[in-house]
């Protein structure tokens, strides 16, 4: 299966911004490469633009894991906000 790239906004709220959610995802899905392209983390909320690379099913499983752990995942529309 070919590798793809997917850009997403990740929103961390309700304490999720205080937890190592991306690290946990990387341990469970080591075949998915991620690159944080932009981030803003405050005490009550964090937002990151992240570029994921891997096989489509693996990326979706990793994103589902993030969602299940309380992270909101939205696609980056048009790709103009994050280079790459």
Protein backbone atom coordinates (compact mmCIF):
# COMPACT_ATOMS: atom_id res chain seq x y z
CA UNK A 1 0.00 0.00 0.00
CA UNK A 2 1.45 3.43 -0.91
CA UNK A 3 2.26 6.04 1.69
CA UNK A 4 0.23 9.22 1.85
CA UNK A 5 0.45 12.54 3.67
CA UNK A 6 -2.42 14.00 5.66
CA UNK A 7 -2.46 17.43 7.34
CA UNK A 8 -4.64 17.86 10.43
CA UNK A 9 -5.39 20.36 13.13
CA UNK A 10 -5.25 18.76 16.56
CA UNK A 11 -7.07 20.50 19.40
CA UNK A 12 -6.23 19.52 22.97
CA UNK A 13 -8.67 20.59 25.71
CA UNK A 14 -9.96 19.37 29.06
CA UNK A 15 -6.54 18.32 30.31
CA UNK A 16 -5.47 16.56 27.09
CA UNK A 17 -2.96 19.40 26.51
CA UNK A 18 -1.17 18.30 29.69
CA UNK A 19 -0.72 14.70 28.48
CA UNK A 20 1.83 13.30 25.96
CA UNK A 21 -0.86 12.29 23.43
CA UNK A 22 1.38 12.40 20.33
CA UNK A 23 4.09 10.42 22.08
CA UNK A 24 1.53 7.80 23.14
CA UNK A 25 0.28 7.63 19.54
CA UNK A 26 3.85 7.24 18.26
CA UNK A 27 4.45 4.31 20.62
CA UNK A 28 1.29 2.53 19.51
CA UNK A 29 1.68 3.37 15.79
CA UNK A 30 5.44 3.63 15.12
CA UNK A 31 4.89 3.24 11.38
CA UNK A 32 3.14 6.65 11.25
CA UNK A 33 5.55 9.56 10.96
CA UNK A 34 4.38 12.94 12.20
CA UNK A 35 5.79 16.44 11.85
CA UNK A 36 4.47 19.30 13.98
CA UNK A 37 4.25 22.22 11.56
CA UNK A 38 2.68 24.82 13.83
CA UNK A 39 1.62 24.85 17.49
CA UNK A 40 0.14 27.05 20.17
CA UNK A 41 -0.24 25.59 23.65
CA UNK A 42 -1.85 27.52 26.50
CA UNK A 43 -2.80 26.39 29.99
CA UNK A 44 -6.40 25.53 29.03
CA UNK A 45 -6.01 24.54 25.36
CA UNK A 46 -3.48 23.53 22.72
CA UNK A 47 -3.74 23.59 18.92
CA UNK A 48 -1.28 21.93 16.55
CA UNK A 49 -1.02 21.65 12.80
CA UNK A 50 0.49 18.22 12.17
CA UNK A 51 1.55 16.47 8.97
CA UNK A 52 1.13 12.69 9.17
CA UNK A 53 2.80 10.30 6.72
CA UNK A 54 2.28 6.57 6.30
CA UNK A 55 -0.17 4.07 4.91
CA UNK A 56 -3.72 5.40 4.87
CA UNK A 57 -5.12 2.72 7.20
CA UNK A 58 -2.28 3.25 9.69
CA UNK A 59 -2.81 7.02 9.71
CA UNK A 60 -6.54 6.60 10.23
CA UNK A 61 -5.94 4.17 13.10
CA UNK A 62 -3.50 6.63 14.71
CA UNK A 63 -5.98 9.51 14.32
CA UNK A 64 -8.77 7.35 15.76
CA UNK A 65 -6.52 6.65 18.73
CA UNK A 66 -6.01 10.39 19.26
CA UNK A 67 -9.76 11.00 19.04
CA UNK A 68 -10.42 8.21 21.55
CA UNK A 69 -7.92 9.86 23.93
CA UNK A 70 -9.79 13.19 23.84
CA UNK A 71 -8.04 15.04 21.01
CA UNK A 72 -10.19 16.79 18.40
CA UNK A 73 -8.92 16.06 14.87
CA UNK A 74 -9.85 18.23 11.86
CA UNK A 75 -8.40 18.22 8.34
CA UNK A 76 -6.41 21.22 7.17
CA UNK A 77 -8.53 22.57 4.35
CA UNK A 78 -6.69 23.37 1.15
CA UNK A 79 -3.29 22.93 2.75
CA UNK A 80 -2.44 26.64 2.59
CA UNK A 81 -1.98 27.03 6.35
CA UNK A 82 0.84 24.50 6.65
CA UNK A 83 3.66 24.14 4.15
CA UNK A 84 4.61 20.67 3.06
